[in-house]
PDB file of all heavy atoms in Angstrom:
ATOM      1  N   ALA A   1     -17.889  -0.417  -2.987  1.00  0.00           N
ATOM      2  CA  ALA A   1     -16.503  -0.305  -3.473  1.00  0.00           C
ATOM      3  C   ALA A   1     -15.631  -1.580  -2.988  1.00  0.00           C
ATOM      4  O   ALA A   1     -14.789  -2.014  -3.703  1.00  0.00           O
ATOM      5  CB  ALA A   1     -15.912   0.969  -2.927  1.00  0.00           C
ATOM      6  N   THR A   2     -15.941  -1.844  -1.796  1.00  0.00           N
ATOM      7  CA  THR A   2     -15.056  -3.026  -1.198  1.00  0.00           C
ATOM      8  C   THR A   2     -15.373  -4.389  -2.023  1.00  0.00           C
ATOM      9  O   THR A   2     -14.495  -5.076  -2.281  1.00  0.00           O
ATOM     10  CB  THR A   2     -15.328  -3.197   0.285  1.00  0.00           C
ATOM     11  OG1 THR A   2     -16.701  -3.408   0.530  1.00  0.00           O
ATOM     12  CG2 THR A   2     -14.745  -2.060   1.143  1.00  0.00           C
ATOM     13  N   ASP A   3     -16.566  -4.583  -2.375  1.00  0.00           N
ATOM     14  CA  ASP A   3     -16.923  -5.724  -3.188  1.00  0.00           C
ATOM     15  C   ASP A   3     -16.309  -5.616  -4.526  1.00  0.00           C
ATOM     16  O   ASP A   3     -15.871  -6.646  -5.099  1.00  0.00           O
ATOM     17  CB  ASP A   3     -18.521  -5.860  -3.416  1.00  0.00           C
ATOM     18  CG  ASP A   3     -19.248  -6.185  -2.125  1.00  0.00           C
ATOM     19  OD1 ASP A   3     -18.601  -6.643  -1.072  1.00  0.00           O
ATOM     20  OD2 ASP A   3     -20.522  -5.986  -2.065  1.00  0.00           O
ATOM     21  N   LEU A   4     -16.224  -4.431  -5.135  1.00  0.00           N
ATOM     22  CA  LEU A   4     -15.641  -4.221  -6.363  1.00  0.00           C
ATOM     23  C   LEU A   4     -14.070  -4.535  -6.319  1.00  0.00           C
ATOM     24  O   LEU A   4     -13.548  -5.252  -7.148  1.00  0.00           O
ATOM     25  CB  LEU A   4     -15.888  -2.851  -6.918  1.00  0.00           C
ATOM     26  CG  LEU A   4     -15.304  -2.460  -8.302  1.00  0.00           C
ATOM     27  CD1 LEU A   4     -15.784  -3.382  -9.259  1.00  0.00           C
ATOM     28  CD2 LEU A   4     -15.652  -1.008  -8.591  1.00  0.00           C
ATOM     29  N   ILE A   5     -13.457  -4.035  -5.244  1.00  0.00           N
ATOM     30  CA  ILE A   5     -12.088  -4.343  -5.002  1.00  0.00           C
ATOM     31  C   ILE A   5     -11.803  -5.850  -4.949  1.00  0.00           C
ATOM     32  O   ILE A   5     -10.944  -6.423  -5.571  1.00  0.00           O
ATOM     33  CB  ILE A   5     -11.477  -3.534  -3.884  1.00  0.00           C
ATOM     34  CG1 ILE A   5     -11.531  -2.117  -4.125  1.00  0.00           C
ATOM     35  CG2 ILE A   5     -10.109  -4.066  -3.613  1.00  0.00           C
ATOM     36  CD1 ILE A   5     -11.264  -1.197  -2.874  1.00  0.00           C
ATOM     37  N   ARG A   6     -12.669  -6.533  -4.113  1.00  0.00           N
ATOM     38  CA  ARG A   6     -12.469  -7.991  -3.967  1.00  0.00           C
ATOM     39  C   ARG A   6     -12.624  -8.679  -5.287  1.00  0.00           C
ATOM     40  O   ARG A   6     -11.938  -9.648  -5.611  1.00  0.00           O
ATOM     41  CB  ARG A   6     -13.498  -8.442  -2.949  1.00  0.00           C
ATOM     42  CG  ARG A   6     -13.054  -8.239  -1.520  1.00  0.00           C
ATOM     43  CD  ARG A   6     -14.019  -8.962  -0.544  1.00  0.00           C
ATOM     44  NE  ARG A   6     -13.858  -8.303   0.723  1.00  0.00           N
ATOM     45  CZ  ARG A   6     -14.634  -7.408   1.174  1.00  0.00           C
ATOM     46  NH1 ARG A   6     -15.705  -6.944   0.448  1.00  0.00           N
ATOM     47  NH2 ARG A   6     -14.475  -6.837   2.386  1.00  0.00           N
ATOM     48  N   SER A   7     -13.634  -8.260  -6.063  1.00  0.00           N
ATOM     49  CA  SER A   7     -13.910  -8.885  -7.381  1.00  0.00           C
ATOM     50  C   SER A   7     -12.645  -8.662  -8.338  1.00  0.00           C
ATOM     51  O   SER A   7     -12.269  -9.673  -8.970  1.00  0.00           O
ATOM     52  CB  SER A   7     -15.107  -8.218  -8.031  1.00  0.00           C
ATOM     53  OG  SER A   7     -15.329  -8.658  -9.264  1.00  0.00           O
ATOM     54  N   LEU A   8     -12.105  -7.582  -8.231  1.00  0.00           N
ATOM     55  CA  LEU A   8     -10.907  -7.285  -9.070  1.00  0.00           C
ATOM     56  C   LEU A   8      -9.702  -8.172  -8.697  1.00  0.00           C
ATOM     57  O   LEU A   8      -9.036  -8.783  -9.489  1.00  0.00           O
ATOM     58  CB  LEU A   8     -10.426  -5.780  -9.012  1.00  0.00           C
ATOM     59  CG  LEU A   8     -11.349  -4.688  -9.694  1.00  0.00           C
ATOM     60  CD1 LEU A   8     -10.952  -3.408  -9.164  1.00  0.00           C
ATOM     61  CD2 LEU A   8     -11.270  -4.931 -11.176  1.00  0.00           C
ATOM     62  N   ARG A   9      -9.578  -8.343  -7.342  1.00  0.00           N
ATOM     63  CA  ARG A   9      -8.525  -9.217  -6.833  1.00  0.00           C
ATOM     64  C   ARG A   9      -8.732 -10.611  -7.124  1.00  0.00           C
ATOM     65  O   ARG A   9      -7.751 -11.433  -7.228  1.00  0.00           O
ATOM     66  CB  ARG A   9      -8.337  -8.950  -5.418  1.00  0.00           C
ATOM     67  CG  ARG A   9      -7.808  -7.572  -5.049  1.00  0.00           C
ATOM     68  CD  ARG A   9      -6.457  -7.226  -5.613  1.00  0.00           C
ATOM     69  NE  ARG A   9      -5.969  -5.972  -5.425  1.00  0.00           N
ATOM     70  CZ  ARG A   9      -5.614  -5.161  -6.330  1.00  0.00           C
ATOM     71  NH1 ARG A   9      -5.737  -5.474  -7.617  1.00  0.00           N
ATOM     72  NH2 ARG A   9      -5.119  -4.001  -6.044  1.00  0.00           N
ATOM     73  N   GLU A  10      -9.965 -11.130  -7.221  1.00  0.00           N
ATOM     74  CA  GLU A  10     -10.295 -12.484  -7.539  1.00  0.00           C
ATOM     75  C   GLU A  10     -10.182 -12.934  -8.955  1.00  0.00           C
ATOM     76  O   GLU A  10     -10.008 -14.109  -9.180  1.00  0.00           O
ATOM     77  CB  GLU A  10     -11.676 -12.797  -7.015  1.00  0.00           C
ATOM     78  CG  GLU A  10     -11.884 -12.675  -5.536  1.00  0.00           C
ATOM     79  CD  GLU A  10     -13.342 -12.741  -5.144  1.00  0.00           C
ATOM     80  OE1 GLU A  10     -14.298 -12.882  -5.983  1.00  0.00           O
ATOM     81  OE2 GLU A  10     -13.585 -12.789  -3.883  1.00  0.00           O
ATOM     82  N   GLN A  11     -10.154 -12.058  -9.864  1.00  0.00           N
ATOM     83  CA  GLN A  11      -9.995 -12.361 -11.354  1.00  0.00           C
ATOM     84  C   GLN A  11      -8.573 -12.212 -11.750  1.00  0.00           C
ATOM     85  O   GLN A  11      -7.872 -11.239 -11.597  1.00  0.00           O
ATOM     86  CB  GLN A  11     -10.830 -11.467 -12.110  1.00  0.00           C
ATOM     87  CG  GLN A  11     -12.385 -11.445 -11.806  1.00  0.00           C
ATOM     88  CD  GLN A  11     -13.116 -10.423 -12.538  1.00  0.00           C
ATOM     89  OE1 GLN A  11     -12.902 -10.189 -13.801  1.00  0.00           O
ATOM     90  NE2 GLN A  11     -14.182  -9.906 -11.918  1.00  0.00           N
ATOM     91  N   PRO A  12      -7.965 -13.321 -12.330  1.00  0.00           N
ATOM     92  CA  PRO A  12      -6.576 -13.344 -12.751  1.00  0.00           C
ATOM     93  C   PRO A  12      -6.331 -12.173 -13.692  1.00  0.00           C
ATOM     94  O   PRO A  12      -5.207 -11.650 -13.572  1.00  0.00           O
ATOM     95  CB  PRO A  12      -6.477 -14.626 -13.529  1.00  0.00           C
ATOM     96  CG  PRO A  12      -7.553 -15.544 -12.935  1.00  0.00           C
ATOM     97  CD  PRO A  12      -8.771 -14.648 -12.554  1.00  0.00           C
ATOM     98  N   ALA A  13      -7.209 -11.663 -14.585  1.00  0.00           N
ATOM     99  CA  ALA A  13      -6.980 -10.694 -15.463  1.00  0.00           C
ATOM    100  C   ALA A  13      -6.786  -9.277 -14.913  1.00  0.00           C
ATOM    101  O   ALA A  13      -6.196  -8.391 -15.422  1.00  0.00           O
ATOM    102  CB  ALA A  13      -8.088 -10.567 -16.545  1.00  0.00           C
ATOM    103  N   THR A  14      -7.256  -9.131 -13.593  1.00  0.00           N
ATOM    104  CA  THR A  14      -7.247  -7.859 -12.970  1.00  0.00           C
ATOM    105  C   THR A  14      -6.672  -7.770 -11.553  1.00  0.00           C
ATOM    106  O   THR A  14      -6.493  -6.751 -10.974  1.00  0.00           O
ATOM    107  CB  THR A  14      -8.696  -7.242 -12.760  1.00  0.00           C
ATOM    108  OG1 THR A  14      -9.530  -8.258 -12.029  1.00  0.00           O
ATOM    109  CG2 THR A  14      -9.376  -6.987 -14.181  1.00  0.00           C
ATOM    110  N   ALA A  15      -6.173  -8.999 -11.103  1.00  0.00           N
ATOM    111  CA  ALA A  15      -5.654  -9.116  -9.720  1.00  0.00           C
ATOM    112  C   ALA A  15      -4.431  -8.238  -9.576  1.00  0.00           C
ATOM    113  O   ALA A  15      -4.317  -7.787  -8.342  1.00  0.00           O
ATOM    114  CB  ALA A  15      -5.329 -10.623  -9.553  1.00  0.00           C
ATOM    115  N   ALA A  16      -3.571  -7.993 -10.491  1.00  0.00           N
ATOM    116  CA  ALA A  16      -2.408  -7.245 -10.263  1.00  0.00           C
ATOM    117  C   ALA A  16      -2.415  -5.773 -10.502  1.00  0.00           C
ATOM    118  O   ALA A  16      -1.525  -5.005 -10.326  1.00  0.00           O
ATOM    119  CB  ALA A  16      -1.269  -7.799 -11.092  1.00  0.00           C
ATOM    120  N   ILE A  17      -3.667  -5.289 -10.972  1.00  0.00           N
ATOM    121  CA  ILE A  17      -3.744  -3.866 -11.236  1.00  0.00           C
ATOM    122  C   ILE A  17      -3.752  -3.074  -9.917  1.00  0.00           C
ATOM    123  O   ILE A  17      -4.477  -3.386  -9.000  1.00  0.00           O
ATOM    124  CB  ILE A  17      -5.087  -3.568 -12.027  1.00  0.00           C
ATOM    125  CG1 ILE A  17      -5.069  -4.344 -13.410  1.00  0.00           C
ATOM    126  CG2 ILE A  17      -5.350  -2.013 -12.203  1.00  0.00           C
ATOM    127  CD1 ILE A  17      -6.392  -4.296 -14.115  1.00  0.00           C
ATOM    128  N   PRO A  18      -2.866  -2.071  -9.834  1.00  0.00           N
ATOM    129  CA  PRO A  18      -2.894  -1.324  -8.559  1.00  0.00           C
ATOM    130  C   PRO A  18      -4.158  -0.526  -8.364  1.00  0.00           C
ATOM    131  O   PRO A  18      -4.766  -0.006  -9.326  1.00  0.00           O
ATOM    132  CB  PRO A  18      -1.774  -0.281  -8.792  1.00  0.00           C
ATOM    133  CG  PRO A  18      -1.016  -0.903  -9.848  1.00  0.00           C
ATOM    134  CD  PRO A  18      -1.873  -1.680 -10.767  1.00  0.00           C
ATOM    135  N   VAL A  19      -4.714  -0.610  -7.063  1.00  0.00           N
ATOM    136  CA  VAL A  19      -5.944   0.112  -6.746  1.00  0.00           C
ATOM    137  C   VAL A  19      -5.689   1.048  -5.624  1.00  0.00           C
ATOM    138  O   VAL A  19      -5.148   0.714  -4.591  1.00  0.00           O
ATOM    139  CB  VAL A  19      -7.070  -0.878  -6.383  1.00  0.00           C
ATOM    140  CG1 VAL A  19      -8.291  -0.183  -5.816  1.00  0.00           C
ATOM    141  CG2 VAL A  19      -7.375  -1.836  -7.550  1.00  0.00           C
ATOM    142  N   ILE A  20      -6.054   2.308  -5.883  1.00  0.00           N
ATOM    143  CA  ILE A  20      -5.997   3.288  -4.729  1.00  0.00           C
ATOM    144  C   ILE A  20      -7.413   3.616  -4.433  1.00  0.00           C
ATOM    145  O   ILE A  20      -8.239   4.058  -5.279  1.00  0.00           O
ATOM    146  CB  ILE A  20      -5.305   4.594  -5.181  1.00  0.00           C
ATOM    147  CG1 ILE A  20      -3.800   4.332  -5.541  1.00  0.00           C
ATOM    148  CG2 ILE A  20      -5.411   5.620  -4.034  1.00  0.00           C
ATOM    149  CD1 ILE A  20      -3.075   5.526  -6.106  1.00  0.00           C
ATOM    150  N   GLY A  21      -7.812   3.398  -3.075  1.00  0.00           N
ATOM    151  CA  GLY A  21      -9.144   3.725  -2.678  1.00  0.00           C
ATOM    152  C   GLY A  21      -9.065   5.086  -1.937  1.00  0.00           C
ATOM    153  O   GLY A  21      -8.058   5.387  -1.375  1.00  0.00           O
ATOM    154  N   TYR A  22     -10.088   5.886  -1.940  1.00  0.00           N
ATOM    155  CA  TYR A  22     -10.112   7.108  -1.243  1.00  0.00           C
ATOM    156  C   TYR A  22     -11.437   7.382  -0.609  1.00  0.00           C
ATOM    157  O   TYR A  22     -12.511   6.929  -1.126  1.00  0.00           O
ATOM    158  CB  TYR A  22      -9.670   8.317  -2.163  1.00  0.00           C
ATOM    159  CG  TYR A  22     -10.509   8.477  -3.431  1.00  0.00           C
ATOM    160  CD1 TYR A  22     -11.656   9.264  -3.485  1.00  0.00           C
ATOM    161  CD2 TYR A  22     -10.207   7.780  -4.599  1.00  0.00           C
ATOM    162  CE1 TYR A  22     -12.381   9.406  -4.590  1.00  0.00           C
ATOM    163  CE2 TYR A  22     -10.920   7.867  -5.737  1.00  0.00           C
ATOM    164  CZ  TYR A  22     -12.033   8.759  -5.766  1.00  0.00           C
ATOM    165  OH  TYR A  22     -12.732   8.817  -6.919  1.00  0.00           O
ATOM    166  N   ALA A  23     -11.367   8.103   0.403  1.00  0.00           N
ATOM    167  CA  ALA A  23     -12.503   8.540   1.231  1.00  0.00           C
ATOM    168  C   ALA A  23     -12.184   9.717   2.105  1.00  0.00           C
ATOM    169  O   ALA A  23     -10.971  10.112   2.157  1.00  0.00           O
ATOM    170  CB  ALA A  23     -12.957   7.359   2.175  1.00  0.00           C
ATOM    171  N   GLY A  24     -13.125  10.345   2.762  1.00  0.00           N
ATOM    172  CA  GLY A  24     -12.809  11.538   3.556  1.00  0.00           C
ATOM    173  C   GLY A  24     -11.885  11.067   4.726  1.00  0.00           C
ATOM    174  O   GLY A  24     -11.955   9.946   5.256  1.00  0.00           O
ATOM    175  N   HIS A  25     -11.119  12.085   5.196  1.00  0.00           N
ATOM    176  CA  HIS A  25     -10.114  11.723   6.231  1.00  0.00           C
ATOM    177  C   HIS A  25     -10.749  11.210   7.567  1.00  0.00           C
ATOM    178  O   HIS A  25     -10.103  10.604   8.327  1.00  0.00           O
ATOM    179  CB  HIS A  25      -9.129  12.837   6.419  1.00  0.00           C
ATOM    180  CG  HIS A  25      -9.737  14.028   7.185  1.00  0.00           C
ATOM    181  ND1 HIS A  25     -10.497  14.984   6.424  1.00  0.00           N
ATOM    182  CD2 HIS A  25      -9.690  14.378   8.447  1.00  0.00           C
ATOM    183  CE1 HIS A  25     -10.895  15.862   7.328  1.00  0.00           C
ATOM    184  NE2 HIS A  25     -10.410  15.566   8.528  1.00  0.00           N
ATOM    185  N   VAL A  26     -11.918  11.652   7.819  1.00  0.00           N
ATOM    186  CA  VAL A  26     -12.614  11.219   8.994  1.00  0.00           C
ATOM    187  C   VAL A  26     -13.357   9.869   8.770  1.00  0.00           C
ATOM    188  O   VAL A  26     -13.881   9.343   9.799  1.00  0.00           O
ATOM    189  CB  VAL A  26     -13.559  12.280   9.604  1.00  0.00           C
ATOM    190  CG1 VAL A  26     -12.804  13.491   9.990  1.00  0.00           C
ATOM    191  CG2 VAL A  26     -14.658  12.626   8.640  1.00  0.00           C
ATOM    192  N   GLU A  27     -13.448   9.383   7.648  1.00  0.00           N
ATOM    193  CA  GLU A  27     -14.203   8.108   7.280  1.00  0.00           C
ATOM    194  C   GLU A  27     -13.138   7.028   7.340  1.00  0.00           C
ATOM    195  O   GLU A  27     -13.067   6.209   6.435  1.00  0.00           O
ATOM    196  CB  GLU A  27     -14.798   8.258   5.952  1.00  0.00           C
ATOM    197  CG  GLU A  27     -15.852   9.375   5.939  1.00  0.00           C
ATOM    198  CD  GLU A  27     -16.400   9.587   4.555  1.00  0.00           C
ATOM    199  OE1 GLU A  27     -15.623   9.932   3.609  1.00  0.00           O
ATOM    200  OE2 GLU A  27     -17.718   9.449   4.455  1.00  0.00           O
ATOM    201  N   ARG A  28     -12.602   6.803   8.540  1.00  0.00           N
ATOM    202  CA  ARG A  28     -11.615   5.796   8.724  1.00  0.00           C
ATOM    203  C   ARG A  28     -12.032   4.384   8.493  1.00  0.00           C
ATOM    204  O   ARG A  28     -11.368   3.482   7.962  1.00  0.00           O
ATOM    205  CB  ARG A  28     -11.001   5.914  10.067  1.00  0.00           C
ATOM    206  CG  ARG A  28     -10.273   7.172  10.409  1.00  0.00           C
ATOM    207  CD  ARG A  28      -9.547   7.039  11.725  1.00  0.00           C
ATOM    208  NE  ARG A  28      -9.070   8.286  12.136  1.00  0.00           N
ATOM    209  CZ  ARG A  28      -8.002   9.068  11.708  1.00  0.00           C
ATOM    210  NH1 ARG A  28      -7.478   8.547  10.716  1.00  0.00           N
ATOM    211  NH2 ARG A  28      -7.733  10.145  12.245  1.00  0.00           N
ATOM    212  N   GLU A  29     -13.354   4.094   8.717  1.00  0.00           N
ATOM    213  CA  GLU A  29     -13.950   2.762   8.472  1.00  0.00           C
ATOM    214  C   GLU A  29     -13.890   2.394   6.981  1.00  0.00           C
ATOM    215  O   GLU A  29     -13.687   1.281   6.687  1.00  0.00           O
ATOM    216  CB  GLU A  29     -15.317   2.647   9.105  1.00  0.00           C
ATOM    217  CG  GLU A  29     -16.472   3.463   8.471  1.00  0.00           C
ATOM    218  CD  GLU A  29     -16.459   4.865   8.918  1.00  0.00           C
ATOM    219  OE1 GLU A  29     -15.688   5.425   9.699  1.00  0.00           O
ATOM    220  OE2 GLU A  29     -17.482   5.500   8.442  1.00  0.00           O
ATOM    221  N   PHE A  30     -14.126   3.433   6.199  1.00  0.00           N
ATOM    222  CA  PHE A  30     -14.080   3.169   4.731  1.00  0.00           C
ATOM    223  C   PHE A  30     -12.634   2.890   4.332  1.00  0.00           C
ATOM    224  O   PHE A  30     -12.364   2.024   3.384  1.00  0.00           O
ATOM    225  CB  PHE A  30     -14.639   4.339   3.967  1.00  0.00           C
ATOM    226  CG  PHE A  30     -16.148   4.404   4.044  1.00  0.00           C
ATOM    227  CD1 PHE A  30     -16.767   5.281   4.953  1.00  0.00           C
ATOM    228  CD2 PHE A  30     -16.913   3.652   3.262  1.00  0.00           C
ATOM    229  CE1 PHE A  30     -18.183   5.450   5.033  1.00  0.00           C
ATOM    230  CE2 PHE A  30     -18.382   3.661   3.347  1.00  0.00           C
ATOM    231  CZ  PHE A  30     -18.948   4.560   4.213  1.00  0.00           C
ATOM    232  N   LEU A  31     -11.726   3.699   4.862  1.00  0.00           N
ATOM    233  CA  LEU A  31     -10.279   3.517   4.486  1.00  0.00           C
ATOM    234  C   LEU A  31      -9.736   2.195   4.963  1.00  0.00           C
ATOM    235  O   LEU A  31      -9.184   1.529   4.152  1.00  0.00           O
ATOM    236  CB  LEU A  31      -9.416   4.641   5.104  1.00  0.00           C
ATOM    237  CG  LEU A  31      -9.773   6.100   4.516  1.00  0.00           C
ATOM    238  CD1 LEU A  31      -9.121   7.147   5.327  1.00  0.00           C
ATOM    239  CD2 LEU A  31      -9.460   6.227   3.082  1.00  0.00           C
ATOM    240  N   GLN A  32     -10.118   1.767   6.117  1.00  0.00           N
ATOM    241  CA  GLN A  32      -9.689   0.435   6.625  1.00  0.00           C
ATOM    242  C   GLN A  32     -10.373  -0.642   5.866  1.00  0.00           C
ATOM    243  O   GLN A  32      -9.699  -1.674   5.483  1.00  0.00           O
ATOM    244  CB  GLN A  32     -10.117   0.295   8.072  1.00  0.00           C
ATOM    245  CG  GLN A  32      -9.327   1.204   9.043  1.00  0.00           C
ATOM    246  CD  GLN A  32      -9.807   1.300  10.386  1.00  0.00           C
ATOM    247  OE1 GLN A  32     -10.877   0.855  10.683  1.00  0.00           O
ATOM    248  NE2 GLN A  32      -9.026   1.862  11.298  1.00  0.00           N
ATOM    249  N   ALA A  33     -11.634  -0.457   5.495  1.00  0.00           N
ATOM    250  CA  ALA A  33     -12.316  -1.521   4.642  1.00  0.00           C
ATOM    251  C   ALA A  33     -11.794  -1.653   3.295  1.00  0.00           C
ATOM    252  O   ALA A  33     -11.632  -2.746   2.685  1.00  0.00           O
ATOM    253  CB  ALA A  33     -13.846  -1.214   4.523  1.00  0.00           C
ATOM    254  N   GLY A  34     -11.418  -0.607   2.715  1.00  0.00           N
ATOM    255  CA  GLY A  34     -10.662  -0.617   1.387  1.00  0.00           C
ATOM    256  C   GLY A  34      -9.434  -1.354   1.401  1.00  0.00           C
ATOM    257  O   GLY A  34      -9.141  -2.240   0.552  1.00  0.00           O
ATOM    258  N   MET A  35      -8.537  -1.199   2.431  1.00  0.00           N
ATOM    259  CA  MET A  35      -7.242  -1.975   2.620  1.00  0.00           C
ATOM    260  C   MET A  35      -7.638  -3.454   2.810  1.00  0.00           C
ATOM    261  O   MET A  35      -6.948  -4.314   2.196  1.00  0.00           O
ATOM    262  CB  MET A  35      -6.451  -1.458   3.749  1.00  0.00           C
ATOM    263  CG  MET A  35      -5.711  -0.192   3.489  1.00  0.00           C
ATOM    264  SD  MET A  35      -4.646  -0.255   2.023  1.00  0.00           S
ATOM    265  CE  MET A  35      -3.385  -1.370   2.626  1.00  0.00           C
ATOM    266  N   ALA A  36      -8.624  -3.705   3.725  1.00  0.00           N
ATOM    267  CA  ALA A  36      -8.962  -5.097   3.988  1.00  0.00           C
ATOM    268  C   ALA A  36      -9.553  -5.849   2.754  1.00  0.00           C
ATOM    269  O   ALA A  36      -9.320  -7.082   2.570  1.00  0.00           O
ATOM    270  CB  ALA A  36     -10.029  -5.162   5.062  1.00  0.00           C
ATOM    271  N   ALA A  37     -10.152  -5.030   1.804  1.00  0.00           N
ATOM    272  CA  ALA A  37     -10.732  -5.628   0.572  1.00  0.00           C
ATOM    273  C   ALA A  37      -9.664  -5.880  -0.493  1.00  0.00           C
ATOM    274  O   ALA A  37      -9.837  -6.666  -1.409  1.00  0.00           O
ATOM    275  CB  ALA A  37     -11.685  -4.743  -0.016  1.00  0.00           C
ATOM    276  N   GLY A  38      -8.427  -5.298  -0.189  1.00  0.00           N
ATOM    277  CA  GLY A  38      -7.352  -5.572  -1.172  1.00  0.00           C
ATOM    278  C   GLY A  38      -6.761  -4.393  -1.973  1.00  0.00           C
ATOM    279  O   GLY A  38      -6.021  -4.519  -2.956  1.00  0.00           O
ATOM    280  N   ALA A  39      -7.191  -3.178  -1.560  1.00  0.00           N
ATOM    281  CA  ALA A  39      -6.583  -1.892  -2.303  1.00  0.00           C
ATOM    282  C   ALA A  39      -5.143  -2.019  -2.004  1.00  0.00           C
ATOM    283  O   ALA A  39      -4.592  -2.331  -0.982  1.00  0.00           O
ATOM    284  CB  ALA A  39      -7.227  -0.689  -1.687  1.00  0.00           C
ATOM    285  N   THR A  40      -4.362  -1.523  -3.058  1.00  0.00           N
ATOM    286  CA  THR A  40      -3.041  -1.377  -2.907  1.00  0.00           C
ATOM    287  C   THR A  40      -2.639  -0.369  -1.845  1.00  0.00           C
ATOM    288  O   THR A  40      -1.634  -0.482  -1.051  1.00  0.00           O
ATOM    289  CB  THR A  40      -2.292  -0.999  -4.260  1.00  0.00           C
ATOM    290  OG1 THR A  40      -2.893  -1.899  -5.221  1.00  0.00           O
ATOM    291  CG2 THR A  40      -0.802  -1.124  -4.210  1.00  0.00           C
ATOM    292  N   MET A  41      -3.389   0.680  -1.841  1.00  0.00           N
ATOM    293  CA  MET A  41      -3.224   1.796  -0.859  1.00  0.00           C
ATOM    294  C   MET A  41      -4.564   2.561  -0.747  1.00  0.00           C
ATOM    295  O   MET A  41      -5.325   2.506  -1.643  1.00  0.00           O
ATOM    296  CB  MET A  41      -2.011   2.754  -1.133  1.00  0.00           C
ATOM    297  CG  MET A  41      -2.190   3.602  -2.321  1.00  0.00           C
ATOM    298  SD  MET A  41      -0.649   4.557  -2.713  1.00  0.00           S
ATOM    299  CE  MET A  41      -0.642   5.758  -1.410  1.00  0.00           C
ATOM    300  N   VAL A  42      -4.766   3.188   0.334  1.00  0.00           N
ATOM    301  CA  VAL A  42      -5.894   4.028   0.538  1.00  0.00           C
ATOM    302  C   VAL A  42      -5.362   5.449   1.118  1.00  0.00           C
ATOM    303  O   VAL A  42      -4.418   5.528   1.781  1.00  0.00           O
ATOM    304  CB  VAL A  42      -6.927   3.504   1.573  1.00  0.00           C
ATOM    305  CG1 VAL A  42      -7.564   2.259   0.974  1.00  0.00           C
ATOM    306  CG2 VAL A  42      -6.330   3.202   2.967  1.00  0.00           C
ATOM    307  N   VAL A  43      -6.087   6.428   0.668  1.00  0.00           N
ATOM    308  CA  VAL A  43      -5.753   7.840   0.996  1.00  0.00           C
ATOM    309  C   VAL A  43      -6.954   8.720   1.170  1.00  0.00           C
ATOM    310  O   VAL A  43      -8.059   8.401   0.713  1.00  0.00           O
ATOM    311  CB  VAL A  43      -4.849   8.525  -0.086  1.00  0.00           C
ATOM    312  CG1 VAL A  43      -3.567   7.746  -0.173  1.00  0.00           C
ATOM    313  CG2 VAL A  43      -5.592   8.590  -1.425  1.00  0.00           C
ATOM    314  N   PRO A  44      -6.827   9.800   1.991  1.00  0.00           N
ATOM    315  CA  PRO A  44      -7.937  10.696   2.091  1.00  0.00           C
ATOM    316  C   PRO A  44      -8.233  11.429   0.730  1.00  0.00           C
ATOM    317  O   PRO A  44      -7.326  11.579  -0.071  1.00  0.00           O
ATOM    318  CB  PRO A  44      -7.562  11.650   3.204  1.00  0.00           C
ATOM    319  CG  PRO A  44      -6.163  11.465   3.373  1.00  0.00           C
ATOM    320  CD  PRO A  44      -5.706  10.114   2.733  1.00  0.00           C
ATOM    321  N   ASN A  45      -9.432  11.919   0.508  1.00  0.00           N
ATOM    322  CA  ASN A  45      -9.903  12.619  -0.611  1.00  0.00           C
ATOM    323  C   ASN A  45      -8.850  13.803  -0.833  1.00  0.00           C
ATOM    324  O   ASN A  45      -8.520  14.115  -1.904  1.00  0.00           O
ATOM    325  CB  ASN A  45     -11.245  13.239  -0.444  1.00  0.00           C
ATOM    326  CG  ASN A  45     -12.345  12.171  -0.553  1.00  0.00           C
ATOM    327  OD1 ASN A  45     -12.081  11.053  -0.949  1.00  0.00           O
ATOM    328  ND2 ASN A  45     -13.478  12.487   0.054  1.00  0.00           N
ATOM    329  N   SER A  46      -8.552  14.477   0.190  1.00  0.00           N
ATOM    330  CA  SER A  46      -7.588  15.656   0.113  1.00  0.00           C
ATOM    331  C   SER A  46      -6.350  15.331  -0.592  1.00  0.00           C
ATOM    332  O   SER A  46      -5.838  16.099  -1.339  1.00  0.00           O
ATOM    333  CB  SER A  46      -7.381  16.347   1.450  1.00  0.00           C
ATOM    334  OG  SER A  46      -6.699  15.372   2.350  1.00  0.00           O
TER     335      SER A  46
END
């Protein structure tokens, strides 16, 4: 997922599309990695 988000951000045609990443609330490393990759926001699955 993080590679996919980075790829979207690198392409001019998709760079501005808002991206919401989601993972389990205890999977903080995935949520943090999603933000670091360029997600507009991340939220828990719930």
